[in-house]
Amino acid sequence: MLLTDFYKKSTPGVIISLVFLQFIYIVICFFKSDLLDAPTLLTLGNVLLVFLFFSFVLLLVNFIIEKNELTIHTAYGVLLFVIFTGFFFRFLNINEFSWAHLFVLFGARHIYSLRTLKNIKLKLLDSSFFVGIAFLIYPPTILYLLLIYVGYFVFIRIYDKNLFIPLIGFIIPVFLSYTYYYVFDNVSDFKGLIEINLGFNSNFFSQYYFVIPIIFLVLMILFSFINILLNESYFERQGKRNIKVVVAHLIISIIVIGVNLNDIAYSIQFILLPSAVLIGNYLFLIKKNWLKESLLWLIFMMSIVIVFL
């Protein structure tokens, strides 16, 4: 069966296949790591936890894309998200970046749903609350507050007192965290918690298995963005608004990654959702099925090639 046909729509079968594909990436990560030298119940349990965590992320991403129609009538977005995760399978782990990314996704879920014009105040509060939690885990994610305002101005287009709600939602978890540290006389630890570390680690850029997928992904993003701009008329008004917010999401994510290049291999996951959506929409624009199929296979085979680098 052709990839373009099978992933034409998000169905339970499609999601199961993607969970299985992600499981394969995680197993490969296990076999490529030093854990294989001394496999124990502890390391096998860690693999299971990583699988469950990223499966939940996958389901959340699918919900965000499907519920808000970020890719038009296809499951290409969630498919590409999983494949792009496979690009960087060596860095699949549960760490501060994974948790921060998860809470950013929770926030993004409410930001994109502003398009419905329902429960606006609650969505602004919830999205900023989750960004506040992400900030406590990984401080550069404070920049996603900008995405909330972008979503508000693109979807709502009203300048009113609601603009203060994201600030309130963001402050709540930060204030509660500060209060906790203050009560236990650990304010210095709180300051260290929200400290943004700047730096650059050139080691990652000397590794083929990191540089090649980065270059490939950047080229695909640029090519997709240019083609979407040239074919903007193919999208309905709501689709155009979605694309604007997705592009803002991508730009903010790039800045978040660029703030601390020491950990770029782990923070790269912040760009995976907007990149997958953008490239997924470009695939939708391609009218020739053989070309669309070839591109999907090229992207998938790239993830396979990276395994052997």
C-alpha atoms as a PDB file:
ATOM      1  CA  MET A   1       0.000   0.000   0.000  1.00  0.00           C
ATOM      2  CA  LEU A   2       1.232   3.494  -0.838  1.00  0.00           C
ATOM      3  CA  LEU A   3       2.221   5.779   2.042  1.00  0.00           C
ATOM      4  CA  THR A   4       0.157   8.597   0.552  1.00  0.00           C
ATOM      5  CA  ASP A   5      -2.966   6.411   0.638  1.00  0.00           C
ATOM      6  CA  PHE A   6      -2.429   4.810   4.035  1.00  0.00           C
ATOM      7  CA  TYR A   7      -1.678   8.130   5.762  1.00  0.00           C
ATOM      8  CA  LYS A   8      -4.343  10.062   3.931  1.00  0.00           C
ATOM      9  CA  LYS A   9      -6.424  10.232   7.103  1.00  0.00           C
ATOM     10  CA  SER A  10      -5.780   9.791  10.814  1.00  0.00           C
ATOM     11  CA  THR A  11      -7.349   6.470  11.835  1.00  0.00           C
ATOM     12  CA  PRO A  12      -6.721   4.027  14.718  1.00  0.00           C
ATOM     13  CA  GLY A  13      -4.729   1.849  12.293  1.00  0.00           C
ATOM     14  CA  VAL A  14      -2.543   4.799  11.339  1.00  0.00           C
ATOM     15  CA  ILE A  15      -1.867   5.698  14.974  1.00  0.00           C
ATOM     16  CA  ILE A  16      -1.010   2.081  15.864  1.00  0.00           C
ATOM     17  CA  SER A  17       1.453   1.933  12.952  1.00  0.00           C
ATOM     18  CA  LEU A  18       3.098   5.162  14.105  1.00  0.00           C
ATOM     19  CA  VAL A  19       3.346   3.960  17.709  1.00  0.00           C
ATOM     20  CA  PHE A  20       5.007   0.799  16.379  1.00  0.00           C
ATOM     21  CA  LEU A  21       7.403   2.840  14.216  1.00  0.00           C
ATOM     22  CA  GLN A  22       8.326   4.965  17.212  1.00  0.00           C
ATOM     23  CA  PHE A  23       8.878   1.796  19.250  1.00  0.00           C
ATOM     24  CA  ILE A  24      11.332   0.602  16.583  1.00  0.00           C
ATOM     25  CA  TYR A  25      13.275   3.876  16.830  1.00  0.00           C
ATOM     26  CA  ILE A  26      13.466   3.544  20.624  1.00  0.00           C
ATOM     27  CA  VAL A  27      14.614  -0.102  20.413  1.00  0.00           C
ATOM     28  CA  ILE A  28      17.295   0.901  17.901  1.00  0.00           C
ATOM     29  CA  CYS A  29      18.358   3.640  20.300  1.00  0.00           C
ATOM     30  CA  PHE A  30      18.706   0.977  23.009  1.00  0.00           C
ATOM     31  CA  PHE A  31      20.797  -1.300  20.790  1.00  0.00           C
ATOM     32  CA  LYS A  32      23.022   1.578  19.688  1.00  0.00           C
ATOM     33  CA  SER A  33      23.679   2.688  23.262  1.00  0.00           C
ATOM     34  CA  ASP A  34      26.027   1.385  25.915  1.00  0.00           C
ATOM     35  CA  LEU A  35      23.071  -0.062  27.808  1.00  0.00           C
ATOM     36  CA  LEU A  36      23.288  -3.182  25.668  1.00  0.00           C
ATOM     37  CA  ASP A  37      26.636  -4.094  27.260  1.00  0.00           C
ATOM     38  CA  ALA A  38      24.886  -4.892  30.523  1.00  0.00           C
ATOM     39  CA  PRO A  39      21.135  -5.157  29.975  1.00  0.00           C
ATOM     40  CA  THR A  40      19.193  -5.360  33.220  1.00  0.00           C
ATOM     41  CA  LEU A  41      15.598  -5.075  34.300  1.00  0.00           C
ATOM     42  CA  LEU A  42      16.413  -1.462  35.164  1.00  0.00           C
ATOM     43  CA  THR A  43      17.563  -0.565  31.658  1.00  0.00           C
ATOM     44  CA  LEU A  44      14.711  -2.517  30.057  1.00  0.00           C
ATOM     45  CA  GLY A  45      12.322  -0.674  32.352  1.00  0.00           C
ATOM     46  CA  ASN A  46      13.842   2.606  31.203  1.00  0.00           C
ATOM     47  CA  VAL A  47      13.200   1.645  27.576  1.00  0.00           C
ATOM     48  CA  LEU A  48       9.570   0.921  28.460  1.00  0.00           C
ATOM     49  CA  LEU A  49       9.203   4.279  30.232  1.00  0.00           C
ATOM     50  CA  VAL A  50      10.713   6.120  27.256  1.00  0.00           C
ATOM     51  CA  PHE A  51       8.344   4.279  24.915  1.00  0.00           C
ATOM     52  CA  LEU A  52       5.290   5.118  27.035  1.00  0.00           C
ATOM     53  CA  PHE A  53       6.351   8.747  27.406  1.00  0.00           C
ATOM     54  CA  PHE A  54       6.923   9.354  23.705  1.00  0.00           C
ATOM     55  CA  SER A  55       3.794   7.385  22.791  1.00  0.00           C
ATOM     56  CA  PHE A  56       1.829   9.831  24.925  1.00  0.00           C
ATOM     57  CA  VAL A  57       3.601  12.728  23.178  1.00  0.00           C
ATOM     58  CA  LEU A  58       2.668  11.169  19.836  1.00  0.00           C
ATOM     59  CA  LEU A  59      -1.010  10.897  20.822  1.00  0.00           C
ATOM     60  CA  LEU A  60      -0.975  14.492  22.065  1.00  0.00           C
ATOM     61  CA  VAL A  61       0.598  15.731  18.816  1.00  0.00           C
ATOM     62  CA  ASN A  62      -1.974  13.799  16.786  1.00  0.00           C
ATOM     63  CA  PHE A  63      -4.759  15.352  18.860  1.00  0.00           C
ATOM     64  CA  ILE A  64      -3.373  18.872  18.329  1.00  0.00           C
ATOM     65  CA  ILE A  65      -3.012  18.400  14.570  1.00  0.00           C
ATOM     66  CA  GLU A  66      -6.306  16.552  14.032  1.00  0.00           C
ATOM     67  CA  LYS A  67      -8.486  18.653  16.344  1.00  0.00           C
ATOM     68  CA  ASN A  68      -7.269  21.951  14.916  1.00  0.00           C
ATOM     69  CA  GLU A  69      -6.948  20.802  11.285  1.00  0.00           C
ATOM     70  CA  LEU A  70      -3.332  21.911  11.070  1.00  0.00           C
ATOM     71  CA  THR A  71      -2.703  19.641   8.095  1.00  0.00           C
ATOM     72  CA  ILE A  72      -5.543  19.578   5.616  1.00  0.00           C
ATOM     73  CA  HIS A  73      -7.407  16.236   5.417  1.00  0.00           C
ATOM     74  CA  THR A  74      -4.264  14.115   5.902  1.00  0.00           C
ATOM     75  CA  ALA A  75      -2.198  12.437   8.621  1.00  0.00           C
ATOM     76  CA  TYR A  76       1.054  13.586   7.031  1.00  0.00           C
ATOM     77  CA  GLY A  77       1.788  15.915   9.945  1.00  0.00           C
ATOM     78  CA  VAL A  78       1.812  13.248  12.652  1.00  0.00           C
ATOM     79  CA  LEU A  79       3.642  10.816  10.323  1.00  0.00           C
ATOM     80  CA  LEU A  80       6.400  13.360   9.738  1.00  0.00           C
ATOM     81  CA  PHE A  81       6.561  14.132  13.460  1.00  0.00           C
ATOM     82  CA  VAL A  82       7.382  10.479  14.190  1.00  0.00           C
ATOM     83  CA  ILE A  83       9.897  10.255  11.339  1.00  0.00           C
ATOM     84  CA  PHE A  84      11.613  13.468  12.454  1.00  0.00           C
ATOM     85  CA  THR A  85      11.772  12.024  15.957  1.00  0.00           C
ATOM     86  CA  GLY A  86      13.560   9.093  14.326  1.00  0.00           C
ATOM     87  CA  PHE A  87      16.069  11.517  12.802  1.00  0.00           C
ATOM     88  CA  PHE A  88      17.313  12.183  16.319  1.00  0.00           C
ATOM     89  CA  PHE A  89      16.610   8.769  17.854  1.00  0.00           C
ATOM     90  CA  ARG A  90      19.986   8.768  19.649  1.00  0.00           C
ATOM     91  CA  PHE A  91      18.686  11.534  21.896  1.00  0.00           C
ATOM     92  CA  LEU A  92      15.347   9.932  22.755  1.00  0.00           C
ATOM     93  CA  ASN A  93      15.225  10.081  26.520  1.00  0.00           C
ATOM     94  CA  ILE A  94      13.166  11.466  29.359  1.00  0.00           C
ATOM     95  CA  ASN A  95      14.925  14.588  30.601  1.00  0.00           C
ATOM     96  CA  GLU A  96      14.229  18.238  31.354  1.00  0.00           C
ATOM     97  CA  PHE A  97      13.885  19.055  27.650  1.00  0.00           C
ATOM     98  CA  SER A  98      11.338  16.284  27.096  1.00  0.00           C
ATOM     99  CA  TRP A  99       9.241  17.436  30.058  1.00  0.00           C
ATOM    100  CA  ALA A 100       9.469  21.097  29.025  1.00  0.00           C
ATOM    101  CA  HIS A 101       8.481  20.147  25.473  1.00  0.00           C
ATOM    102  CA  LEU A 102       5.516  18.162  26.795  1.00  0.00           C
ATOM    103  CA  PHE A 103       4.176  21.163  28.710  1.00  0.00           C
ATOM    104  CA  VAL A 104       4.780  23.417  25.692  1.00  0.00           C
ATOM    105  CA  LEU A 105       2.640  20.985  23.685  1.00  0.00           C
ATOM    106  CA  PHE A 106      -0.088  21.213  26.337  1.00  0.00           C
ATOM    107  CA  GLY A 107       0.071  24.982  25.935  1.00  0.00           C
ATOM    108  CA  ALA A 108       0.107  24.761  22.125  1.00  0.00           C
ATOM    109  CA  ARG A 109      -3.038  22.618  22.264  1.00  0.00           C
ATOM    110  CA  HIS A 110      -4.946  25.547  23.794  1.00  0.00           C
ATOM    111  CA  ILE A 111      -3.263  28.164  21.586  1.00  0.00           C
ATOM    112  CA  TYR A 112      -4.269  26.477  18.330  1.00  0.00           C
ATOM    113  CA  SER A 113      -7.787  25.847  19.639  1.00  0.00           C
ATOM    114  CA  LEU A 114      -8.336  29.609  19.934  1.00  0.00           C
ATOM    115  CA  ARG A 115      -9.466  29.290  16.310  1.00  0.00           C
ATOM    116  CA  THR A 116     -12.877  28.091  17.538  1.00  0.00           C
ATOM    117  CA  LEU A 117     -13.440  31.412  19.377  1.00  0.00           C
ATOM    118  CA  LYS A 118     -14.832  29.454  22.360  1.00  0.00           C
ATOM    119  CA  ASN A 119     -13.694  29.656  26.010  1.00  0.00           C
ATOM    120  CA  ILE A 120     -11.068  32.217  25.027  1.00  0.00           C
ATOM    121  CA  LYS A 121     -10.228  33.363  28.557  1.00  0.00           C
ATOM    122  CA  LEU A 122      -9.831  29.813  29.854  1.00  0.00           C
ATOM    123  CA  LYS A 123      -7.618  28.829  26.918  1.00  0.00           C
ATOM    124  CA  LEU A 124      -5.396  31.884  27.411  1.00  0.00           C
ATOM    125  CA  LEU A 125      -5.082  31.064  31.101  1.00  0.00           C
ATOM    126  CA  ASP A 126      -4.397  27.355  30.542  1.00  0.00           C
ATOM    127  CA  SER A 127      -1.856  27.857  27.773  1.00  0.00           C
ATOM    128  CA  SER A 128       0.133  30.425  29.765  1.00  0.00           C
ATOM    129  CA  PHE A 129      -0.055  28.243  32.883  1.00  0.00           C
ATOM    130  CA  PHE A 130       1.580  25.366  30.987  1.00  0.00           C
ATOM    131  CA  VAL A 131       4.203  27.717  29.536  1.00  0.00           C
ATOM    132  CA  GLY A 132       4.914  28.815  33.114  1.00  0.00           C
ATOM    133  CA  ILE A 133       5.547  25.195  34.132  1.00  0.00           C
ATOM    134  CA  ALA A 134       7.755  24.666  31.062  1.00  0.00           C
ATOM    135  CA  PHE A 135       9.693  27.813  32.040  1.00  0.00           C
ATOM    136  CA  LEU A 136      10.427  26.358  35.482  1.00  0.00           C
ATOM    137  CA  ILE A 137      11.802  23.238  33.803  1.00  0.00           C
ATOM    138  CA  TYR A 138      13.689  24.932  30.953  1.00  0.00           C
ATOM    139  CA  PRO A 139      13.777  28.776  31.233  1.00  0.00           C
ATOM    140  CA  PRO A 140      14.151  29.661  27.494  1.00  0.00           C
ATOM    141  CA  THR A 141      10.605  28.352  26.950  1.00  0.00           C
ATOM    142  CA  ILE A 142       9.351  31.643  28.407  1.00  0.00           C
ATOM    143  CA  LEU A 143       9.468  32.811  24.787  1.00  0.00           C
ATOM    144  CA  TYR A 144       6.369  30.718  24.063  1.00  0.00           C
ATOM    145  CA  LEU A 145       4.384  33.448  25.797  1.00  0.00           C
ATOM    146  CA  LEU A 146       4.843  35.273  22.493  1.00  0.00           C
ATOM    147  CA  LEU A 147       3.122  32.385  20.699  1.00  0.00           C
ATOM    148  CA  ILE A 148       0.053  32.855  22.892  1.00  0.00           C
ATOM    149  CA  TYR A 149      -0.203  36.487  21.789  1.00  0.00           C
ATOM    150  CA  VAL A 150       0.431  35.556  18.160  1.00  0.00           C
ATOM    151  CA  GLY A 151      -2.402  33.030  18.345  1.00  0.00           C
ATOM    152  CA  TYR A 152      -4.652  35.605  20.005  1.00  0.00           C
ATOM    153  CA  PHE A 153      -3.984  38.321  17.425  1.00  0.00           C
ATOM    154  CA  VAL A 154      -4.272  35.914  14.470  1.00  0.00           C
ATOM    155  CA  PHE A 155      -7.441  34.123  15.564  1.00  0.00           C
ATOM    156  CA  ILE A 156      -9.234  36.691  17.745  1.00  0.00           C
ATOM    157  CA  ARG A 157      -7.996  40.015  16.348  1.00  0.00           C
ATOM    158  CA  ILE A 158      -9.323  41.996  19.306  1.00  0.00           C
ATOM    159  CA  TYR A 159      -7.274  44.235  21.589  1.00  0.00           C
ATOM    160  CA  ASP A 160      -8.873  44.109  25.029  1.00  0.00           C
ATOM    161  CA  LYS A 161      -8.261  43.279  28.686  1.00  0.00           C
ATOM    162  CA  ASN A 162      -7.876  39.593  27.812  1.00  0.00           C
ATOM    163  CA  LEU A 163      -4.295  40.432  26.843  1.00  0.00           C
ATOM    164  CA  PHE A 164      -3.395  40.429  30.553  1.00  0.00           C
ATOM    165  CA  ILE A 165      -4.669  36.875  31.139  1.00  0.00           C
ATOM    166  CA  PRO A 166      -1.543  35.105  29.762  1.00  0.00           C
ATOM    167  CA  LEU A 167       0.623  37.084  32.181  1.00  0.00           C
ATOM    168  CA  ILE A 168      -1.569  36.002  35.099  1.00  0.00           C
ATOM    169  CA  GLY A 169      -1.553  32.358  33.997  1.00  0.00           C
ATOM    170  CA  PHE A 170       2.229  32.400  33.604  1.00  0.00           C
ATOM    171  CA  ILE A 171       2.827  34.006  36.999  1.00  0.00           C
ATOM    172  CA  ILE A 172       0.716  31.453  38.928  1.00  0.00           C
ATOM    173  CA  PRO A 173       3.102  28.428  38.695  1.00  0.00           C
ATOM    174  CA  VAL A 174       6.176  30.677  38.973  1.00  0.00           C
ATOM    175  CA  PHE A 175       4.802  32.355  42.120  1.00  0.00           C
ATOM    176  CA  LEU A 176       3.826  29.011  43.669  1.00  0.00           C
ATOM    177  CA  SER A 177       7.299  27.656  42.967  1.00  0.00           C
ATOM    178  CA  TYR A 178       8.948  30.746  44.466  1.00  0.00           C
ATOM    179  CA  THR A 179       6.733  30.480  47.552  1.00  0.00           C
ATOM    180  CA  TYR A 180       7.771  26.856  48.036  1.00  0.00           C
ATOM    181  CA  TYR A 181      11.469  27.707  47.872  1.00  0.00           C
ATOM    182  CA  TYR A 182      10.964  30.763  50.087  1.00  0.00           C
ATOM    183  CA  VAL A 183       9.177  28.773  52.800  1.00  0.00           C
ATOM    184  CA  PHE A 184      12.036  26.274  52.901  1.00  0.00           C
ATOM    185  CA  ASP A 185      14.630  29.065  52.761  1.00  0.00           C
ATOM    186  CA  ASN A 186      16.016  28.006  49.384  1.00  0.00           C
ATOM    187  CA  VAL A 187      15.506  31.178  47.333  1.00  0.00           C
ATOM    188  CA  SER A 188      18.994  30.785  45.880  1.00  0.00           C
ATOM    189  CA  ASP A 189      17.931  27.420  44.436  1.00  0.00           C
ATOM    190  CA  PHE A 190      14.916  29.101  42.826  1.00  0.00           C
ATOM    191  CA  LYS A 191      17.187  31.674  41.198  1.00  0.00           C
ATOM    192  CA  GLY A 192      19.295  28.837  39.831  1.00  0.00           C
ATOM    193  CA  LEU A 193      16.139  27.140  38.580  1.00  0.00           C
ATOM    194  CA  ILE A 194      15.153  30.062  36.327  1.00  0.00           C
ATOM    195  CA  GLU A 195      18.673  30.976  35.250  1.00  0.00           C
ATOM    196  CA  ILE A 196      19.221  30.880  31.490  1.00  0.00           C
ATOM    197  CA  ASN A 197      22.579  29.392  30.527  1.00  0.00           C
ATOM    198  CA  LEU A 198      24.096  30.534  27.264  1.00  0.00           C
ATOM    199  CA  GLY A 199      26.652  28.454  25.458  1.00  0.00           C
ATOM    200  CA  PHE A 200      27.723  26.575  22.368  1.00  0.00           C
ATOM    201  CA  ASN A 201      28.730  22.933  22.106  1.00  0.00           C
ATOM    202  CA  SER A 202      30.560  22.228  18.858  1.00  0.00           C
ATOM    203  CA  ASN A 203      30.759  18.481  19.548  1.00  0.00           C
ATOM    204  CA  PHE A 204      27.283  17.822  18.174  1.00  0.00           C
ATOM    205  CA  PHE A 205      28.112  19.639  14.946  1.00  0.00           C
ATOM    206  CA  SER A 206      31.050  17.313  14.327  1.00  0.00           C
ATOM    207  CA  GLN A 207      28.784  14.258  14.323  1.00  0.00           C
ATOM    208  CA  TYR A 208      27.389  13.168  10.953  1.00  0.00           C
ATOM    209  CA  TYR A 209      24.334  11.582  12.553  1.00  0.00           C
ATOM    210  CA  PHE A 210      23.347  15.002  13.898  1.00  0.00           C
ATOM    211  CA  VAL A 211      24.466  17.399  11.156  1.00  0.00           C
ATOM    212  CA  ILE A 212      22.987  15.508   8.195  1.00  0.00           C
ATOM    213  CA  PRO A 213      19.399  15.350   9.544  1.00  0.00           C
ATOM    214  CA  ILE A 214      19.622  18.994  10.639  1.00  0.00           C
ATOM    215  CA  ILE A 215      20.644  20.105   7.138  1.00  0.00           C
ATOM    216  CA  PHE A 216      17.994  17.900   5.532  1.00  0.00           C
ATOM    217  CA  LEU A 217      15.292  19.210   7.859  1.00  0.00           C
ATOM    218  CA  VAL A 218      16.256  22.857   7.318  1.00  0.00           C
ATOM    219  CA  LEU A 219      16.194  22.435   3.542  1.00  0.00           C
ATOM    220  CA  MET A 220      12.789  20.754   3.687  1.00  0.00           C
ATOM    221  CA  ILE A 221      11.421  23.535   5.905  1.00  0.00           C
ATOM    222  CA  LEU A 222      12.677  26.292   3.611  1.00  0.00           C
ATOM    223  CA  PHE A 223      11.435  24.534   0.478  1.00  0.00           C
ATOM    224  CA  SER A 224       8.025  23.893   2.048  1.00  0.00           C
ATOM    225  CA  PHE A 225       7.680  27.451   3.345  1.00  0.00           C
ATOM    226  CA  ILE A 226       8.478  28.967  -0.059  1.00  0.00           C
ATOM    227  CA  ASN A 227       6.002  26.687  -1.838  1.00  0.00           C
ATOM    228  CA  ILE A 228       3.247  27.403   0.689  1.00  0.00           C
ATOM    229  CA  LEU A 229       3.774  31.142   0.191  1.00  0.00           C
ATOM    230  CA  LEU A 230       3.587  30.741  -3.572  1.00  0.00           C
ATOM    231  CA  ASN A 231       0.416  28.633  -3.326  1.00  0.00           C
ATOM    232  CA  GLU A 232      -1.328  30.476  -0.509  1.00  0.00           C
ATOM    233  CA  SER A 233      -4.550  30.639  -2.511  1.00  0.00           C
ATOM    234  CA  TYR A 234      -5.030  26.867  -2.087  1.00  0.00           C
ATOM    235  CA  PHE A 235      -5.737  27.353   1.627  1.00  0.00           C
ATOM    236  CA  GLU A 236      -9.002  28.585   3.052  1.00  0.00           C
ATOM    237  CA  ARG A 237      -9.028  31.564   5.410  1.00  0.00           C
ATOM    238  CA  GLN A 238      -8.808  29.375   8.524  1.00  0.00           C
ATOM    239  CA  GLY A 239      -5.992  27.367   6.963  1.00  0.00           C
ATOM    240  CA  LYS A 240      -4.019  30.546   6.275  1.00  0.00           C
ATOM    241  CA  ARG A 241      -4.395  31.601   9.903  1.00  0.00           C
ATOM    242  CA  ASN A 242      -3.208  28.189  11.075  1.00  0.00           C
ATOM    243  CA  ILE A 243      -0.128  28.476   8.870  1.00  0.00           C
ATOM    244  CA  LYS A 244       0.706  31.895  10.329  1.00  0.00           C
ATOM    245  CA  VAL A 245       0.616  30.537  13.882  1.00  0.00           C
ATOM    246  CA  VAL A 246       2.598  27.428  12.867  1.00  0.00           C
ATOM    247  CA  VAL A 247       5.308  29.597  11.289  1.00  0.00           C
ATOM    248  CA  ALA A 248       5.429  31.729  14.464  1.00  0.00           C
ATOM    249  CA  HIS A 249       5.683  28.500  16.485  1.00  0.00           C
ATOM    250  CA  LEU A 250       8.613  27.392  14.335  1.00  0.00           C
ATOM    251  CA  ILE A 251      10.453  30.726  14.585  1.00  0.00           C
ATOM    252  CA  ILE A 252      10.026  30.914  18.360  1.00  0.00           C
ATOM    253  CA  SER A 253      11.207  27.297  18.681  1.00  0.00           C
ATOM    254  CA  ILE A 254      14.338  28.082  16.667  1.00  0.00           C
ATOM    255  CA  ILE A 255      15.084  30.992  18.996  1.00  0.00           C
ATOM    256  CA  VAL A 256      14.488  28.781  22.068  1.00  0.00           C
ATOM    257  CA  ILE A 257      16.988  26.285  20.664  1.00  0.00           C
ATOM    258  CA  GLY A 258      19.475  29.028  19.746  1.00  0.00           C
ATOM    259  CA  VAL A 259      19.509  30.508  23.253  1.00  0.00           C
ATOM    260  CA  ASN A 260      21.520  27.545  24.509  1.00  0.00           C
ATOM    261  CA  LEU A 261      23.356  25.613  21.796  1.00  0.00           C
ATOM    262  CA  ASN A 262      25.083  23.516  24.436  1.00  0.00           C
ATOM    263  CA  ASP A 263      22.075  21.213  24.452  1.00  0.00           C
ATOM    264  CA  ILE A 264      20.843  21.612  20.889  1.00  0.00           C
ATOM    265  CA  ALA A 265      20.648  17.844  20.342  1.00  0.00           C
ATOM    266  CA  TYR A 266      18.028  17.582  23.082  1.00  0.00           C
ATOM    267  CA  SER A 267      16.189  20.879  22.551  1.00  0.00           C
ATOM    268  CA  ILE A 268      15.819  20.168  18.814  1.00  0.00           C
ATOM    269  CA  GLN A 269      12.517  18.437  19.645  1.00  0.00           C
ATOM    270  CA  PHE A 270      10.880  21.850  20.079  1.00  0.00           C
ATOM    271  CA  ILE A 271      10.830  22.386  16.297  1.00  0.00           C
ATOM    272  CA  LEU A 272       9.480  18.952  15.355  1.00  0.00           C
ATOM    273  CA  LEU A 273       5.744  19.741  15.563  1.00  0.00           C
ATOM    274  CA  PRO A 274       5.750  23.011  13.549  1.00  0.00           C
ATOM    275  CA  SER A 275       8.221  21.521  11.058  1.00  0.00           C
ATOM    276  CA  ALA A 276       6.066  18.430  10.544  1.00  0.00           C
ATOM    277  CA  VAL A 277       2.924  20.541  10.067  1.00  0.00           C
ATOM    278  CA  LEU A 278       4.603  22.911   7.613  1.00  0.00           C
ATOM    279  CA  ILE A 279       6.095  20.123   5.497  1.00  0.00           C
ATOM    280  CA  GLY A 280       2.851  18.131   5.759  1.00  0.00           C
ATOM    281  CA  ASN A 281       0.940  21.046   4.260  1.00  0.00           C
ATOM    282  CA  TYR A 282       3.470  21.298   1.444  1.00  0.00           C
ATOM    283  CA  LEU A 283       2.892  17.615   0.647  1.00  0.00           C
ATOM    284  CA  PHE A 284      -0.828  18.359   0.489  1.00  0.00           C
ATOM    285  CA  LEU A 285      -0.140  20.942  -2.229  1.00  0.00           C
ATOM    286  CA  ILE A 286       1.656  18.440  -4.471  1.00  0.00           C
ATOM    287  CA  LYS A 287      -0.780  17.258  -7.126  1.00  0.00           C
ATOM    288  CA  LYS A 288       1.358  14.501  -8.651  1.00  0.00           C
ATOM    289  CA  ASN A 289       0.954  11.408  -6.480  1.00  0.00           C
ATOM    290  CA  TRP A 290       4.216   9.831  -7.614  1.00  0.00           C
ATOM    291  CA  LEU A 291       6.140  12.928  -6.506  1.00  0.00           C
ATOM    292  CA  LYS A 292       4.332  13.064  -3.171  1.00  0.00           C
ATOM    293  CA  GLU A 293       4.988   9.351  -2.610  1.00  0.00           C
ATOM    294  CA  SER A 294       8.650   9.736  -3.556  1.00  0.00           C
ATOM    295  CA  LEU A 295       9.158  12.593  -1.102  1.00  0.00           C
ATOM    296  CA  LEU A 296       7.540  10.648   1.739  1.00  0.00           C
ATOM    297  CA  TRP A 297       9.756   7.651   1.039  1.00  0.00           C
ATOM    298  CA  LEU A 298      12.816   9.908   0.773  1.00  0.00           C
ATOM    299  CA  ILE A 299      12.102  11.400   4.198  1.00  0.00           C
ATOM    300  CA  PHE A 300      11.446   7.968   5.708  1.00  0.00           C
ATOM    301  CA  MET A 301      14.559   6.411   4.158  1.00  0.00           C
ATOM    302  CA  MET A 302      16.607   9.314   5.478  1.00  0.00           C
ATOM    303  CA  SER A 303      15.684   8.234   9.021  1.00  0.00           C
ATOM    304  CA  ILE A 304      16.843   4.687   8.146  1.00  0.00           C
ATOM    305  CA  VAL A 305      20.146   5.926   6.711  1.00  0.00           C
ATOM    306  CA  ILE A 306      20.804   7.964   9.857  1.00  0.00           C
ATOM    307  CA  VAL A 307      20.619   4.748  11.901  1.00  0.00           C
ATOM    308  CA  PHE A 308      23.796   3.520  10.224  1.00  0.00           C
ATOM    309  CA  LEU A 309      25.783   6.759  10.524  1.00  0.00           C
END
